[in-house]
């Protein structure tokens, strides 16, 4: 079985025109998708965009535009364009996702609301504040009646505050920002960079409203929290790996990184850095071989679950010193992915595929199902190897 990393690196050399003119095999498509997500997480947005566009064209042809993963990846493409500062293309992509989700799924649920919120964020970035306000207001109108106290609710409130501020609705901006901060305080704590960042916006909104004393008090609190955060910081600088031999010297660090992500919260900067480090190690290491097929990809449509799965496979390989993908590796990795999802559910929101795994676990059928999935992945890989 060829190492998936070698296959993916080879695929990166294929020109977009050539790749898009061919139909990808299921194995190729799954590997391309996992690499596109990994590149997104690592911050290589231009290459991620290139692969996602190829994958999306193929997915639409094979599964149709109503496919759930196709729609989710269209939203991820929008995020990649946004991070790559291609705002117009980000808006175009999120508009497509909104239309498809509304047409085939729902135009009045949490996911639809969050897609609208994403669009409002991109419109704000374009400084089209007049257009952003009704979009985020519609998202809030859908989400607020659900009485959810999660990060999605906080995010929508914060974007609503921003849109109000730039439309000179200063008191409304303050009101929504305070509500968003209240949720942030409850969910992630005050001594976090995300919370302090939002306090800076609250200060700005008070200044816009001419409430200088309140703005000054917020500034004082910001300085206090910055000092607290600095005391807590103990960041690790991760190496870049030029070879498999160099990776092997850092296997212990890779295992620590995998555990840091799996046992942490996705709103923790160190947790995300650990995942990025692990992905870099995995791509250059000969001590891990991960197979991706439809059976595990089905559960990994969310980027956080994809990262958890890779970390889970790496954890298993390093602890057991068994680098080859196996039924046991898959079972261990998926169980760790499910644990990670449960611990971060208030941050990621509900992921239907993960809830399916949770129900299987409750019914005592999780391991049996995962073992069957692994058998199918291994069989498909063996067949693909024969064809090659």
Protein backbone atom coordinates (compact mmCIF):
# COMPACT_ATOMS: atom_id res chain seq x y z
CA UNK A 1 0.00 0.00 0.00
CA UNK A 2 1.48 3.35 -0.95
CA UNK A 3 1.75 5.95 1.74
CA UNK A 4 -1.15 8.42 1.45
CA UNK A 5 1.24 11.37 1.85
CA UNK A 6 3.25 10.39 -1.23
CA UNK A 7 0.07 9.99 -3.29
CA UNK A 8 -1.22 13.39 -2.18
CA UNK A 9 2.03 15.17 -2.87
CA UNK A 10 1.99 13.65 -6.35
CA UNK A 11 -1.56 14.87 -6.84
CA UNK A 12 -0.47 18.40 -5.97
CA UNK A 13 1.72 18.34 -9.06
CA UNK A 14 -1.27 17.74 -11.33
CA UNK A 15 -2.40 20.92 -13.04
CA UNK A 16 -5.87 22.18 -12.19
CA UNK A 17 -6.98 21.91 -15.81
CA UNK A 18 -5.80 18.31 -16.17
CA UNK A 19 -7.23 17.18 -12.83
CA UNK A 20 -10.59 18.82 -13.34
CA UNK A 21 -10.95 17.14 -16.74
CA UNK A 22 -10.66 13.69 -15.17
CA UNK A 23 -13.02 11.81 -12.90
CA UNK A 24 -11.37 11.09 -9.57
CA UNK A 25 -11.61 7.64 -8.06
CA UNK A 26 -13.22 7.48 -4.61
CA UNK A 27 -9.80 6.94 -3.07
CA UNK A 28 -8.26 9.89 -4.93
CA UNK A 29 -11.19 12.14 -4.05
CA UNK A 30 -11.03 11.21 -0.36
CA UNK A 31 -7.30 11.83 -0.21
CA UNK A 32 -7.59 15.13 -2.05
CA UNK A 33 -10.30 16.28 0.34
CA UNK A 34 -8.25 15.41 3.42
CA UNK A 35 -5.23 17.25 2.01
CA UNK A 36 -7.34 20.32 1.17
CA UNK A 37 -8.59 20.45 4.76
CA UNK A 38 -5.08 19.91 6.14
CA UNK A 39 -3.72 22.74 3.98
CA UNK A 40 -6.52 25.00 5.18
CA UNK A 41 -5.68 24.28 8.81
CA UNK A 42 -1.98 24.91 8.16
CA UNK A 43 -2.79 28.27 6.57
CA UNK A 44 -1.82 27.40 2.99
CA UNK A 45 -5.07 28.84 1.67
CA UNK A 46 -4.10 29.26 -1.99
CA UNK A 47 -3.20 25.59 -2.40
CA UNK A 48 -6.22 24.54 -0.34
CA UNK A 49 -8.46 26.59 -2.64
CA UNK A 50 -6.92 24.95 -5.71
CA UNK A 51 -7.58 21.44 -4.39
CA UNK A 52 -11.04 22.23 -3.07
CA UNK A 53 -12.17 23.59 -6.42
CA UNK A 54 -11.02 20.40 -8.15
CA UNK A 55 -12.66 18.24 -5.49
CA UNK A 56 -15.91 20.23 -5.54
CA UNK A 57 -16.24 19.94 -9.33
CA UNK A 58 -15.77 16.19 -9.09
CA UNK A 59 -18.10 15.84 -6.09
CA UNK A 60 -20.87 17.78 -7.80
CA UNK A 61 -20.58 15.55 -10.86
CA UNK A 62 -20.60 12.31 -8.84
CA UNK A 63 -22.97 13.13 -5.95
CA UNK A 64 -24.91 16.19 -7.10
CA UNK A 65 -25.22 19.68 -5.68
CA UNK A 66 -27.62 18.47 -2.98
CA UNK A 67 -24.86 16.40 -1.32
CA UNK A 68 -24.33 17.48 2.29
CA UNK A 69 -20.54 17.25 2.19
CA UNK A 70 -20.48 19.20 -1.08
CA UNK A 71 -22.39 22.04 0.59
CA UNK A 72 -20.18 21.97 3.70
CA UNK A 73 -17.02 22.08 1.62
CA UNK A 74 -18.42 25.01 -0.36
CA UNK A 75 -18.62 26.91 2.93
CA UNK A 76 -15.05 25.89 3.73
CA UNK A 77 -14.01 27.15 0.30
CA UNK A 78 -15.64 30.47 1.18
CA UNK A 79 -13.62 30.58 4.41
CA UNK A 80 -10.43 29.81 2.51
CA UNK A 81 -11.11 32.62 0.05
CA UNK A 82 -11.82 34.93 3.00
CA UNK A 83 -8.56 33.99 4.74
CA UNK A 84 -6.78 34.47 1.41
CA UNK A 85 -8.30 37.97 1.21
CA UNK A 86 -10.35 37.17 -1.89
CA UNK A 87 -13.49 38.66 -0.37
CA UNK A 88 -15.66 38.78 -3.49
CA UNK A 89 -15.04 35.08 -4.15
CA UNK A 90 -15.75 34.32 -0.50
CA UNK A 91 -19.13 36.05 -0.81
CA UNK A 92 -19.85 34.25 -4.08
CA UNK A 93 -19.07 30.86 -2.49
CA UNK A 94 -21.07 31.43 0.69
CA UNK A 95 -24.01 32.67 -1.39
CA UNK A 96 -23.90 29.39 -3.30
CA UNK A 97 -23.84 27.39 -0.05
CA UNK A 98 -26.73 29.41 1.39
CA UNK A 99 -28.83 28.86 -1.73
CA UNK A 100 -28.09 25.13 -1.89
CA UNK A 101 -28.68 24.55 1.80
CA UNK A 102 -31.92 26.53 1.70
CA UNK A 103 -33.09 24.63 -1.37
CA UNK A 104 -32.23 21.07 -0.30
CA UNK A 105 -32.01 21.15 3.51
CA UNK A 106 -33.63 24.05 5.39
CA UNK A 107 -33.88 27.82 5.32
CA UNK A 108 -34.74 28.10 9.00
CA UNK A 109 -32.27 26.04 11.08
CA UNK A 110 -29.01 26.66 12.93
CA UNK A 111 -26.76 25.77 10.01
CA UNK A 112 -28.61 28.10 7.64
CA UNK A 113 -28.35 30.85 10.25
CA UNK A 114 -24.63 30.36 10.62
CA UNK A 115 -24.10 30.42 6.86
CA UNK A 116 -25.91 33.77 6.81
CA UNK A 117 -23.66 34.97 9.61
CA UNK A 118 -20.60 33.98 7.59
CA UNK A 119 -21.89 36.04 4.69
CA UNK A 120 -22.40 39.03 6.99
CA UNK A 121 -18.80 38.67 8.19
CA UNK A 122 -17.52 38.75 4.62
CA UNK A 123 -19.71 41.74 3.76
CA UNK A 124 -18.38 43.60 6.80
CA UNK A 125 -14.85 42.80 5.65
CA UNK A 126 -15.72 44.32 2.28
CA UNK A 127 -17.03 47.37 4.17
CA UNK A 128 -20.48 46.79 2.70
CA UNK A 129 -22.04 47.43 6.10
CA UNK A 130 -25.44 48.39 4.76
CA UNK A 131 -25.83 44.97 3.11
CA UNK A 132 -24.37 43.09 6.08
CA UNK A 133 -26.87 44.36 8.66
CA UNK A 134 -30.06 42.69 7.31
CA UNK A 135 -28.17 39.45 6.63
CA UNK A 136 -26.86 39.09 10.18
CA UNK A 137 -30.20 40.25 11.57
CA UNK A 138 -31.89 37.40 9.70
CA UNK A 139 -29.35 34.97 11.14
CA UNK A 140 -30.10 36.26 14.63
CA UNK A 141 -33.86 36.03 14.06
CA UNK A 142 -33.44 32.33 13.24
CA UNK A 143 -30.95 31.45 15.97
CA UNK A 144 -32.10 33.51 18.95
CA UNK A 145 -35.48 31.75 19.53
CA UNK A 146 -33.63 28.46 20.02
CA UNK A 147 -32.24 29.77 23.34
CA UNK A 148 -28.83 28.23 22.68
CA UNK A 149 -25.91 29.42 24.79
CA UNK A 150 -23.05 28.39 22.54
CA UNK A 151 -20.24 29.95 20.56
CA UNK A 152 -22.39 30.15 17.43
CA UNK A 153 -24.85 32.36 19.30
CA UNK A 154 -22.01 34.49 20.66
CA UNK A 155 -20.49 34.85 17.19
CA UNK A 156 -23.75 35.97 15.62
CA UNK A 157 -24.27 38.54 18.40
CA UNK A 158 -20.75 39.87 17.94
CA UNK A 159 -21.18 40.22 14.18
CA UNK A 160 -24.54 41.90 14.77
CA UNK A 161 -22.78 44.39 17.05
CA UNK A 162 -20.18 45.11 14.38
CA UNK A 163 -22.80 45.70 11.70
CA UNK A 164 -24.73 48.02 14.01
CA UNK A 165 -21.61 50.02 14.86
CA UNK A 166 -20.69 50.66 11.24
CA UNK A 167 -24.28 51.67 10.55
CA UNK A 168 -23.90 54.17 13.44
CA UNK A 169 -26.37 52.32 15.67
CA UNK A 170 -24.02 52.65 18.64
CA UNK A 171 -26.36 51.68 21.49
CA UNK A 172 -27.45 48.57 19.61
CA UNK A 173 -23.80 47.73 18.98
CA UNK A 174 -23.07 47.97 22.71
CA UNK A 175 -26.12 45.87 23.60
CA UNK A 176 -25.25 43.01 21.26
CA UNK A 177 -21.54 43.10 22.10
CA UNK A 178 -22.28 42.84 25.82
CA UNK A 179 -24.50 39.83 25.18
CA UNK A 180 -21.80 38.18 23.07
CA UNK A 181 -19.17 38.86 25.72
CA UNK A 182 -21.41 37.39 28.40
CA UNK A 183 -21.53 34.13 26.44
CA UNK A 184 -17.78 34.20 25.77
CA UNK A 185 -17.13 34.65 29.49
CA UNK A 186 -19.30 31.63 30.24
CA UNK A 187 -17.94 29.41 27.46
CA UNK A 188 -14.24 30.24 27.12
CA UNK A 189 -13.41 32.47 30.09
CA UNK A 190 -12.14 36.02 30.42
CA UNK A 191 -8.41 35.22 30.40
CA UNK A 192 -8.38 34.28 26.73
CA UNK A 193 -7.24 36.15 23.66
CA UNK A 194 -10.68 35.84 22.05
CA UNK A 195 -12.41 37.48 25.00
CA UNK A 196 -9.87 40.31 25.25
CA UNK A 197 -10.11 40.92 21.50
CA UNK A 198 -13.85 41.46 21.85
CA UNK A 199 -13.36 43.77 24.81
CA UNK A 200 -11.41 46.05 22.47
CA UNK A 201 -14.48 46.24 20.25
CA UNK A 202 -16.68 47.04 23.24
CA UNK A 203 -14.31 49.91 24.07
CA UNK A 204 -14.60 51.14 20.48
CA UNK A 205 -18.40 51.01 20.61
CA UNK A 206 -18.52 52.96 23.87
CA UNK A 207 -16.26 55.58 22.30
CA UNK A 208 -18.55 55.75 19.28
CA UNK A 209 -21.49 56.38 21.60
CA UNK A 210 -19.53 59.10 23.42
CA UNK A 211 -19.42 57.11 26.70
CA UNK A 212 -15.78 57.82 27.54
CA UNK A 213 -15.85 56.71 31.19
CA UNK A 214 -17.19 53.28 30.30
CA UNK A 215 -14.61 53.00 27.52
CA UNK A 216 -11.88 53.82 30.04
CA UNK A 217 -13.07 51.15 32.47
CA UNK A 218 -13.06 48.58 29.69
CA UNK A 219 -9.51 49.58 28.77
CA UNK A 220 -8.40 49.04 32.36
CA UNK A 221 -9.93 45.57 32.35
CA UNK A 222 -8.23 44.79 29.05
CA UNK A 223 -4.82 45.64 30.52
CA UNK A 224 -5.50 43.46 33.56
CA UNK A 225 -6.46 40.48 31.44
CA UNK A 226 -3.48 40.93 29.09
CA UNK A 227 -1.15 40.66 32.10
CA UNK A 228 -2.92 37.51 33.28
CA UNK A 229 -2.67 35.91 29.84
CA UNK A 230 1.05 36.71 29.57
CA UNK A 231 1.66 34.95 32.87
CA UNK A 232 -0.08 31.83 31.56
CA UNK A 233 1.75 31.70 28.26
CA UNK A 234 4.32 28.98 27.81
CA UNK A 235 4.35 28.50 24.08
CA UNK A 236 6.37 25.80 22.39
CA UNK A 237 8.14 26.58 19.12
CA UNK A 238 7.69 23.72 16.72
CA UNK A 239 10.26 22.59 14.20
CA UNK A 240 9.79 22.23 10.48
CA UNK A 241 10.59 18.75 9.21
CA UNK A 242 12.76 18.21 6.16
CA UNK A 243 12.89 14.42 6.27
CA UNK A 244 11.42 11.29 7.81
CA UNK A 245 14.60 10.87 9.84
CA UNK A 246 14.18 14.31 11.37
CA UNK A 247 10.53 13.49 12.12
CA UNK A 248 11.57 10.35 13.99
CA UNK A 249 13.70 12.45 16.33
CA UNK A 250 10.53 14.35 17.26
CA UNK A 251 8.13 11.42 17.61
CA UNK A 252 7.71 12.16 21.32
CA UNK A 253 6.82 15.78 20.51
CA UNK A 254 4.33 14.59 17.89
CA UNK A 255 2.66 12.34 20.45
CA UNK A 256 2.46 15.26 22.88
CA UNK A 257 0.95 17.43 20.15
CA UNK A 258 -1.66 14.77 19.32
CA UNK A 259 -2.67 14.46 22.96
CA UNK A 260 -2.72 18.25 23.40
CA UNK A 261 -5.25 18.62 20.61
CA UNK A 262 -7.36 15.59 21.56
CA UNK A 263 -7.56 16.61 25.21
CA UNK A 264 -7.98 20.34 24.61
CA UNK A 265 -10.49 22.94 23.45
CA UNK A 266 -10.50 24.21 19.90
CA UNK A 267 -10.71 27.80 21.10
CA UNK A 268 -7.29 27.41 22.76
CA UNK A 269 -4.53 28.72 20.51
CA UNK A 270 -2.09 26.12 21.80
CA UNK A 271 -4.51 23.37 20.88
CA UNK A 272 -4.76 24.56 17.29
CA UNK A 273 -0.98 25.02 17.07
CA UNK A 274 -0.51 21.47 18.32
CA UNK A 275 -2.80 20.15 15.57
CA UNK A 276 -0.91 22.11 12.91
CA UNK A 277 2.37 20.72 14.23
CA UNK A 278 1.02 17.17 14.19
CA UNK A 279 -0.19 17.55 10.60
CA UNK A 280 3.24 18.79 9.53
CA UNK A 281 4.89 15.85 11.26
CA UNK A 282 2.44 13.34 9.77
CA UNK A 283 3.04 14.52 6.21
CA UNK A 284 6.82 14.01 6.47
CA UNK A 285 6.93 10.99 8.78
CA UNK A 286 7.35 7.35 7.81
CA UNK A 287 6.02 6.25 11.19
CA UNK A 288 2.34 6.78 10.36
CA UNK A 289 0.15 5.70 7.45
CA UNK A 290 -3.45 6.89 7.41
CA UNK A 291 -6.06 5.72 4.94
CA UNK A 292 -9.07 7.84 4.05
CA UNK A 293 -12.17 6.34 2.47
CA UNK A 294 -15.86 7.15 2.28
CA UNK A 295 -16.47 5.19 5.50
CA UNK A 296 -14.38 7.45 7.72
CA UNK A 297 -14.71 10.58 5.59
CA UNK A 298 -18.46 10.49 6.22
CA UNK A 299 -17.84 11.35 9.87
CA UNK A 300 -15.09 13.90 9.19
CA UNK A 301 -16.92 16.62 7.25
CA UNK A 302 -16.10 19.10 10.02
CA UNK A 303 -12.47 20.25 9.99
CA UNK A 304 -12.17 19.80 13.77
CA UNK A 305 -13.18 16.16 13.50
CA UNK A 306 -10.76 15.63 10.61
CA UNK A 307 -7.92 16.96 12.77
CA UNK A 308 -9.01 14.83 15.72
CA UNK A 309 -9.00 11.71 13.55
CA UNK A 310 -5.48 12.38 12.28
CA UNK A 311 -4.32 13.03 15.85
CA UNK A 312 -6.05 9.85 17.02
CA UNK A 313 -4.37 7.74 14.33
CA UNK A 314 -1.00 9.29 15.17
CA UNK A 315 -1.50 8.72 18.88
CA UNK A 316 -2.27 5.05 18.25
CA UNK A 317 0.67 4.56 15.86
CA UNK A 318 3.19 6.14 18.22
CA UNK A 319 1.95 4.51 21.41
CA UNK A 320 1.59 1.04 19.87
CA UNK A 321 4.57 1.49 17.52
CA UNK A 322 2.37 0.21 14.71
CA UNK A 323 2.53 2.61 11.79
CA UNK A 324 0.28 0.78 9.31
CA UNK A 325 -3.41 1.63 9.14
CA UNK A 326 -5.51 -1.12 10.70
CA UNK A 327 -8.93 -1.86 12.12
CA UNK A 328 -7.62 -1.18 15.63
CA UNK A 329 -6.08 2.14 14.60
CA UNK A 330 -9.34 3.25 12.99
CA UNK A 331 -11.42 2.23 16.01
CA UNK A 332 -9.09 3.98 18.45
CA UNK A 333 -8.94 7.14 16.31
CA UNK A 334 -12.70 7.37 15.83
CA UNK A 335 -13.32 6.86 19.54
CA UNK A 336 -10.89 9.67 20.32
CA UNK A 337 -12.57 11.83 17.68
CA UNK A 338 -15.94 11.24 19.33
CA UNK A 339 -14.53 12.10 22.77
CA UNK A 340 -13.04 15.31 21.34
CA UNK A 341 -16.36 16.23 19.74
CA UNK A 342 -18.28 15.74 22.98
CA UNK A 343 -15.82 17.93 24.87
CA UNK A 344 -16.06 20.69 22.24
CA UNK A 345 -19.72 20.39 21.23
CA UNK A 346 -20.61 23.81 22.64
CA UNK A 347 -17.92 25.30 20.39
CA UNK A 348 -18.45 23.32 17.18
CA UNK A 349 -22.21 23.14 17.41
CA UNK A 350 -24.12 19.93 16.75
CA UNK A 351 -22.56 17.70 14.06
CA UNK A 352 -25.11 15.15 12.91
CA UNK A 353 -22.55 12.53 11.92
CA UNK A 354 -20.90 12.68 15.35
CA UNK A 355 -24.29 12.35 17.00
CA UNK A 356 -24.79 9.17 14.95
CA UNK A 357 -21.58 7.77 16.43
CA UNK A 358 -22.69 8.80 19.89
CA UNK A 359 -25.97 6.92 19.47
CA UNK A 360 -24.09 3.84 18.26
CA UNK A 361 -21.95 4.05 21.38
CA UNK A 362 -25.02 4.28 23.62
CA UNK A 363 -26.48 1.19 21.91
CA UNK A 364 -23.26 -0.79 22.24
CA UNK A 365 -22.76 -0.95 18.46
CA UNK A 366 -19.95 1.56 17.98
CA UNK A 367 -16.96 -0.78 17.85
CA UNK A 368 -18.72 -3.27 15.58
CA UNK A 369 -19.67 -0.52 13.13
CA UNK A 370 -16.18 1.00 13.14
CA UNK A 371 -14.59 -2.40 12.55
CA UNK A 372 -16.83 -2.97 9.53
CA UNK A 373 -15.97 0.49 8.21
CA UNK A 374 -12.24 -0.22 8.59
CA UNK A 375 -12.60 -3.49 6.70
CA UNK A 376 -14.22 -1.63 3.79
CA UNK A 377 -11.48 1.03 3.78
CA UNK A 378 -8.72 -1.60 3.77
CA UNK A 379 -10.45 -3.61 1.04
CA UNK A 380 -10.88 -0.54 -1.17
CA UNK A 381 -7.22 0.38 -0.65
CA UNK A 382 -6.09 -3.12 -1.59
CA UNK A 383 -8.17 -3.01 -4.77
CA UNK A 384 -6.78 0.40 -5.66
CA UNK A 385 -3.24 -0.90 -5.09
CA UNK A 386 -3.82 -3.75 -7.54
CA UNK A 387 -5.05 -1.34 -10.23
CA UNK A 388 -1.96 0.83 -9.74
